[in-house]
PDB file of all heavy atoms in Angstrom:
ATOM      1  N   ASP A   1      99.734 136.715  -9.910  1.00  0.00           N
ATOM      2  CA  ASP A   1      98.931 135.488  -9.896  1.00  0.00           C
ATOM      3  C   ASP A   1      99.003 134.766  -8.551  1.00  0.00           C
ATOM      4  O   ASP A   1      98.024 134.177  -8.104  1.00  0.00           O
ATOM      5  CB  ASP A   1      99.407 134.528 -10.984  1.00  0.00           C
ATOM      6  CG  ASP A   1      99.045 134.997 -12.380  1.00  0.00           C
ATOM      7  OD1 ASP A   1      98.235 135.932 -12.510  1.00  0.00           O
ATOM      8  OD2 ASP A   1      99.567 134.413 -13.348  1.00  0.00           O
ATOM      9  N   LYS A   2     100.189 134.784  -7.930  1.00  0.00           N
ATOM     10  CA  LYS A   2     100.403 134.033  -6.690  1.00  0.00           C
ATOM     11  C   LYS A   2     101.324 134.824  -5.777  1.00  0.00           C
ATOM     12  O   LYS A   2     102.066 135.696  -6.223  1.00  0.00           O
ATOM     13  CB  LYS A   2     101.050 132.675  -6.980  1.00  0.00           C
ATOM     14  CG  LYS A   2     100.196 131.700  -7.770  1.00  0.00           C
ATOM     15  CD  LYS A   2     100.930 130.380  -7.964  1.00  0.00           C
ATOM     16  CE  LYS A   2     100.090 129.370  -8.712  1.00  0.00           C
ATOM     17  NZ  LYS A   2     100.810 128.071  -8.893  1.00  0.00           N
ATOM     18  N   GLY A   3     101.275 134.481  -4.479  1.00  0.00           N
ATOM     19  CA  GLY A   3     102.220 135.089  -3.559  1.00  0.00           C
ATOM     20  C   GLY A   3     101.608 135.477  -2.238  1.00  0.00           C
ATOM     21  O   GLY A   3     100.428 135.203  -1.965  1.00  0.00           O
ATOM     22  N   ALA A   4     102.407 136.127  -1.426  1.00  0.00           N
ATOM     23  CA  ALA A   4     101.988 136.519  -0.076  1.00  0.00           C
ATOM     24  C   ALA A   4     101.264 137.859  -0.122  1.00  0.00           C
ATOM     25  O   ALA A   4     101.782 138.886   0.316  1.00  0.00           O
ATOM     26  CB  ALA A   4     103.217 136.607   0.834  1.00  0.00           C
ATOM     27  N   TYR A   5     100.054 137.820  -0.673  1.00  0.00           N
ATOM     28  CA  TYR A   5      99.257 139.041  -0.842  1.00  0.00           C
ATOM     29  C   TYR A   5      97.882 138.822  -0.201  1.00  0.00           C
ATOM     30  O   TYR A   5      96.860 138.796  -0.878  1.00  0.00           O
ATOM     31  CB  TYR A   5      99.117 139.381  -2.325  1.00  0.00           C
ATOM     32  CG  TYR A   5     100.438 139.461  -3.044  1.00  0.00           C
ATOM     33  CD1 TYR A   5     100.818 138.469  -3.934  1.00  0.00           C
ATOM     34  CD2 TYR A   5     101.314 140.516  -2.801  1.00  0.00           C
ATOM     35  CE1 TYR A   5     102.040 138.528  -4.598  1.00  0.00           C
ATOM     36  CE2 TYR A   5     102.541 140.584  -3.449  1.00  0.00           C
ATOM     37  CZ  TYR A   5     102.893 139.581  -4.348  1.00  0.00           C
ATOM     38  OH  TYR A   5     104.117 139.646  -4.991  1.00  0.00           O
ATOM     39  N   THR A   6      97.894 138.651   1.096  1.00  0.00           N
ATOM     40  CA  THR A   6      96.679 138.305   1.826  1.00  0.00           C
ATOM     41  C   THR A   6      95.547 139.291   1.539  1.00  0.00           C
ATOM     42  O   THR A   6      95.730 140.506   1.623  1.00  0.00           O
ATOM     43  CB  THR A   6      96.969 138.273   3.339  1.00  0.00           C
ATOM     44  OG1 THR A   6      97.996 137.306   3.588  1.00  0.00           O
ATOM     45  CG2 THR A   6      95.723 137.887   4.113  1.00  0.00           C
ATOM     46  N   GLY A   7      94.388 138.744   1.209  1.00  0.00           N
ATOM     47  CA  GLY A   7      93.208 139.566   0.966  1.00  0.00           C
ATOM     48  C   GLY A   7      93.028 139.983  -0.476  1.00  0.00           C
ATOM     49  O   GLY A   7      91.969 140.500  -0.833  1.00  0.00           O
ATOM     50  N   GLU A   8      94.050 139.786  -1.318  1.00  0.00           N
ATOM     51  CA  GLU A   8      93.930 140.131  -2.725  1.00  0.00           C
ATOM     52  C   GLU A   8      93.349 138.957  -3.512  1.00  0.00           C
ATOM     53  O   GLU A   8      93.259 137.829  -3.007  1.00  0.00           O
ATOM     54  CB  GLU A   8      95.297 140.529  -3.304  1.00  0.00           C
ATOM     55  CG  GLU A   8      95.863 141.805  -2.706  1.00  0.00           C
ATOM     56  CD  GLU A   8      95.039 143.024  -3.063  1.00  0.00           C
ATOM     57  OE1 GLU A   8      94.305 142.993  -4.065  1.00  0.00           O
ATOM     58  OE2 GLU A   8      95.125 144.026  -2.327  1.00  0.00           O
ATOM     59  N   VAL A   9      92.951 139.209  -4.749  1.00  0.00           N
ATOM     60  CA  VAL A   9      92.340 138.187  -5.587  1.00  0.00           C
ATOM     61  C   VAL A   9      93.189 137.985  -6.834  1.00  0.00           C
ATOM     62  O   VAL A   9      93.487 138.939  -7.557  1.00  0.00           O
ATOM     63  CB  VAL A   9      90.896 138.569  -5.971  1.00  0.00           C
ATOM     64  CG1 VAL A   9      90.298 137.539  -6.921  1.00  0.00           C
ATOM     65  CG2 VAL A   9      90.034 138.682  -4.722  1.00  0.00           C
ATOM     66  N   SER A  10      93.566 136.753  -7.079  1.00  0.00           N
ATOM     67  CA  SER A  10      94.449 136.408  -8.181  1.00  0.00           C
ATOM     68  C   SER A  10      93.730 136.440  -9.520  1.00  0.00           C
ATOM     69  O   SER A  10      92.655 135.848  -9.671  1.00  0.00           O
ATOM     70  CB  SER A  10      95.017 135.003  -7.961  1.00  0.00           C
ATOM     71  OG  SER A  10      95.498 134.436  -9.148  1.00  0.00           O
ATOM     72  N   PRO A  11      94.306 137.094 -10.536  1.00  0.00           N
ATOM     73  CA  PRO A  11      93.702 137.048 -11.859  1.00  0.00           C
ATOM     74  C   PRO A  11      93.691 135.635 -12.439  1.00  0.00           C
ATOM     75  O   PRO A  11      92.781 135.280 -13.190  1.00  0.00           O
ATOM     76  CB  PRO A  11      94.580 137.997 -12.692  1.00  0.00           C
ATOM     77  CG  PRO A  11      95.862 138.107 -11.954  1.00  0.00           C
ATOM     78  CD  PRO A  11      95.514 137.943 -10.512  1.00  0.00           C
ATOM     79  N   MET A  12      94.683 134.840 -12.091  1.00  0.00           N
ATOM     80  CA  MET A  12      94.708 133.465 -12.563  1.00  0.00           C
ATOM     81  C   MET A  12      93.504 132.687 -12.012  1.00  0.00           C
ATOM     82  O   MET A  12      92.843 131.929 -12.735  1.00  0.00           O
ATOM     83  CB  MET A  12      96.006 132.774 -12.129  1.00  0.00           C
ATOM     84  CG  MET A  12      96.121 131.327 -12.576  1.00  0.00           C
ATOM     85  SD  MET A  12      97.684 130.570 -12.077  1.00  0.00           S
ATOM     86  CE  MET A  12      97.489 130.531 -10.291  1.00  0.00           C
ATOM     87  N   THR A  13      93.194 132.900 -10.743  1.00  0.00           N
ATOM     88  CA  THR A  13      92.052 132.232 -10.129  1.00  0.00           C
ATOM     89  C   THR A  13      90.745 132.708 -10.753  1.00  0.00           C
ATOM     90  O   THR A  13      89.822 131.910 -10.964  1.00  0.00           O
ATOM     91  CB  THR A  13      92.033 132.492  -8.611  1.00  0.00           C
ATOM     92  OG1 THR A  13      93.269 132.040  -8.045  1.00  0.00           O
ATOM     93  CG2 THR A  13      90.883 131.762  -7.947  1.00  0.00           C
ATOM     94  N   LEU A  14      90.664 133.988 -11.075  1.00  0.00           N
ATOM     95  CA  LEU A  14      89.456 134.502 -11.727  1.00  0.00           C
ATOM     96  C   LEU A  14      89.255 133.832 -13.079  1.00  0.00           C
ATOM     97  O   LEU A  14      88.127 133.451 -13.434  1.00  0.00           O
ATOM     98  CB  LEU A  14      89.555 136.020 -11.898  1.00  0.00           C
ATOM     99  CG  LEU A  14      89.510 136.851 -10.616  1.00  0.00           C
ATOM    100  CD1 LEU A  14      89.697 138.331 -10.941  1.00  0.00           C
ATOM    101  CD2 LEU A  14      88.196 136.635  -9.869  1.00  0.00           C
ATOM    102  N   LYS A  15      90.327 133.687 -13.835  1.00  0.00           N
ATOM    103  CA  LYS A  15      90.242 132.997 -15.127  1.00  0.00           C
ATOM    104  C   LYS A  15      89.740 131.576 -14.932  1.00  0.00           C
ATOM    105  O   LYS A  15      88.858 131.094 -15.668  1.00  0.00           O
ATOM    106  CB  LYS A  15      91.613 132.997 -15.804  1.00  0.00           C
ATOM    107  CG  LYS A  15      91.670 132.203 -17.103  1.00  0.00           C
ATOM    108  CD  LYS A  15      90.798 132.821 -18.177  1.00  0.00           C
ATOM    109  CE  LYS A  15      90.999 132.081 -19.504  1.00  0.00           C
ATOM    110  NZ  LYS A  15      90.150 132.657 -20.583  1.00  0.00           N
ATOM    111  N   GLN A  16      90.265 130.887 -13.939  1.00  0.00           N
ATOM    112  CA  GLN A  16      89.852 129.518 -13.656  1.00  0.00           C
ATOM    113  C   GLN A  16      88.386 129.437 -13.230  1.00  0.00           C
ATOM    114  O   GLN A  16      87.717 128.417 -13.442  1.00  0.00           O
ATOM    115  CB  GLN A  16      90.750 128.919 -12.569  1.00  0.00           C
ATOM    116  CG  GLN A  16      92.190 128.723 -13.013  1.00  0.00           C
ATOM    117  CD  GLN A  16      93.121 128.407 -11.853  1.00  0.00           C
ATOM    118  OE1 GLN A  16      92.783 128.611 -10.681  1.00  0.00           O
ATOM    119  NE2 GLN A  16      94.306 127.896 -12.176  1.00  0.00           N
ATOM    120  N   ALA A  17      87.883 130.530 -12.653  1.00  0.00           N
ATOM    121  CA  ALA A  17      86.488 130.570 -12.202  1.00  0.00           C
ATOM    122  C   ALA A  17      85.515 130.914 -13.323  1.00  0.00           C
ATOM    123  O   ALA A  17      84.307 130.974 -13.087  1.00  0.00           O
ATOM    124  CB  ALA A  17      86.351 131.582 -11.065  1.00  0.00           C
ATOM    125  N   GLY A  18      86.034 131.166 -14.520  1.00  0.00           N
ATOM    126  CA  GLY A  18      85.159 131.454 -15.652  1.00  0.00           C
ATOM    127  C   GLY A  18      84.989 132.914 -15.979  1.00  0.00           C
ATOM    128  O   GLY A  18      84.147 133.283 -16.802  1.00  0.00           O
ATOM    129  N   VAL A  19      85.791 133.771 -15.366  1.00  0.00           N
ATOM    130  CA  VAL A  19      85.695 135.216 -15.624  1.00  0.00           C
ATOM    131  C   VAL A  19      86.304 135.545 -16.983  1.00  0.00           C
ATOM    132  O   VAL A  19      87.359 135.016 -17.351  1.00  0.00           O
ATOM    133  CB  VAL A  19      86.407 136.009 -14.511  1.00  0.00           C
ATOM    134  CG1 VAL A  19      86.575 137.477 -14.878  1.00  0.00           C
ATOM    135  CG2 VAL A  19      85.622 135.880 -13.206  1.00  0.00           C
ATOM    136  N   LYS A  20      85.653 136.436 -17.719  1.00  0.00           N
ATOM    137  CA  LYS A  20      86.137 136.858 -19.035  1.00  0.00           C
ATOM    138  C   LYS A  20      86.581 138.313 -19.062  1.00  0.00           C
ATOM    139  O   LYS A  20      87.433 138.701 -19.856  1.00  0.00           O
ATOM    140  CB  LYS A  20      85.048 136.645 -20.089  1.00  0.00           C
ATOM    141  CG  LYS A  20      85.506 136.955 -21.512  1.00  0.00           C
ATOM    142  CD  LYS A  20      84.499 136.519 -22.547  1.00  0.00           C
ATOM    143  CE  LYS A  20      85.012 136.805 -23.960  1.00  0.00           C
ATOM    144  NZ  LYS A  20      84.073 136.334 -25.008  1.00  0.00           N
ATOM    145  N   ILE A  21      86.011 139.130 -18.184  1.00  0.00           N
ATOM    146  CA  ILE A  21      86.297 140.562 -18.204  1.00  0.00           C
ATOM    147  C   ILE A  21      86.499 141.040 -16.764  1.00  0.00           C
ATOM    148  O   ILE A  21      85.762 140.632 -15.860  1.00  0.00           O
ATOM    149  CB  ILE A  21      85.146 141.335 -18.903  1.00  0.00           C
ATOM    150  CG1 ILE A  21      85.467 142.827 -18.992  1.00  0.00           C
ATOM    151  CG2 ILE A  21      83.808 141.089 -18.228  1.00  0.00           C
ATOM    152  CD1 ILE A  21      84.463 143.594 -19.863  1.00  0.00           C
ATOM    153  N   VAL A  22      87.520 141.871 -16.550  1.00  0.00           N
ATOM    154  CA  VAL A  22      87.826 142.357 -15.200  1.00  0.00           C
ATOM    155  C   VAL A  22      87.854 143.874 -15.204  1.00  0.00           C
ATOM    156  O   VAL A  22      88.610 144.497 -15.949  1.00  0.00           O
ATOM    157  CB  VAL A  22      89.174 141.817 -14.686  1.00  0.00           C
ATOM    158  CG1 VAL A  22      89.408 142.273 -13.244  1.00  0.00           C
ATOM    159  CG2 VAL A  22      89.221 140.297 -14.779  1.00  0.00           C
ATOM    160  N   GLU A  23      87.030 144.452 -14.365  1.00  0.00           N
ATOM    161  CA  GLU A  23      86.970 145.910 -14.191  1.00  0.00           C
ATOM    162  C   GLU A  23      88.094 146.350 -13.268  1.00  0.00           C
ATOM    163  O   GLU A  23      88.286 145.769 -12.195  1.00  0.00           O
ATOM    164  CB  GLU A  23      85.619 146.285 -13.586  1.00  0.00           C
ATOM    165  CG  GLU A  23      85.484 147.737 -13.183  1.00  0.00           C
ATOM    166  CD  GLU A  23      84.210 147.995 -12.391  1.00  0.00           C
ATOM    167  OE1 GLU A  23      83.424 147.059 -12.172  1.00  0.00           O
ATOM    168  OE2 GLU A  23      84.027 149.152 -11.973  1.00  0.00           O
ATOM    169  N   ILE A  24      88.831 147.362 -13.684  1.00  0.00           N
ATOM    170  CA  ILE A  24      89.909 147.890 -12.846  1.00  0.00           C
ATOM    171  C   ILE A  24      89.932 149.418 -12.923  1.00  0.00           C
ATOM    172  O   ILE A  24      89.443 150.009 -13.884  1.00  0.00           O
ATOM    173  CB  ILE A  24      91.294 147.331 -13.247  1.00  0.00           C
ATOM    174  CG1 ILE A  24      91.532 147.486 -14.757  1.00  0.00           C
ATOM    175  CG2 ILE A  24      91.446 145.885 -12.808  1.00  0.00           C
ATOM    176  CD1 ILE A  24      92.931 147.069 -15.210  1.00  0.00           C
ATOM    177  N   GLY A  25      90.466 150.032 -11.875  1.00  0.00           N
ATOM    178  CA  GLY A  25      90.673 151.474 -11.877  1.00  0.00           C
ATOM    179  C   GLY A  25      89.428 152.303 -11.689  1.00  0.00           C
ATOM    180  O   GLY A  25      89.424 153.491 -12.049  1.00  0.00           O
ATOM    181  N   HIS A  26      88.375 151.729 -11.108  1.00  0.00           N
ATOM    182  CA  HIS A  26      87.173 152.531 -10.898  1.00  0.00           C
ATOM    183  C   HIS A  26      87.492 153.743 -10.020  1.00  0.00           C
ATOM    184  O   HIS A  26      88.382 153.699  -9.168  1.00  0.00           O
ATOM    185  CB  HIS A  26      86.077 151.684 -10.243  1.00  0.00           C
ATOM    186  CG  HIS A  26      84.749 152.356 -10.222  1.00  0.00           C
ATOM    187  ND1 HIS A  26      84.390 153.248  -9.245  1.00  0.00           N
ATOM    188  CD2 HIS A  26      83.689 152.276 -11.067  1.00  0.00           C
ATOM    189  CE1 HIS A  26      83.168 153.690  -9.486  1.00  0.00           C
ATOM    190  NE2 HIS A  26      82.719 153.123 -10.584  1.00  0.00           N
ATOM    191  N   ALA A  27      86.759 154.812 -10.247  1.00  0.00           N
ATOM    192  CA  ALA A  27      87.014 156.054  -9.511  1.00  0.00           C
ATOM    193  C   ALA A  27      86.964 155.848  -8.006  1.00  0.00           C
ATOM    194  O   ALA A  27      87.714 156.495  -7.253  1.00  0.00           O
ATOM    195  CB  ALA A  27      85.999 157.118  -9.925  1.00  0.00           C
ATOM    196  N   GLU A  28      86.111 154.943  -7.551  1.00  0.00           N
ATOM    197  CA  GLU A  28      86.021 154.685  -6.107  1.00  0.00           C
ATOM    198  C   GLU A  28      87.288 154.017  -5.599  1.00  0.00           C
ATOM    199  O   GLU A  28      87.756 154.302  -4.487  1.00  0.00           O
ATOM    200  CB  GLU A  28      84.791 153.831  -5.811  1.00  0.00           C
ATOM    201  CG  GLU A  28      83.488 154.591  -6.026  1.00  0.00           C
ATOM    202  CD  GLU A  28      82.293 153.681  -6.205  1.00  0.00           C
ATOM    203  OE1 GLU A  28      82.464 152.443  -6.147  1.00  0.00           O
ATOM    204  OE2 GLU A  28      81.187 154.214  -6.425  1.00  0.00           O
TER     205      GLU A  28
END
């Protein structure tokens, strides 16, 4: 959710932004 991970996107922030579903592990 938080930390020194420059360039990454926090799942906590996505939740706060109104996101309900997160795609992960795509073949690309």
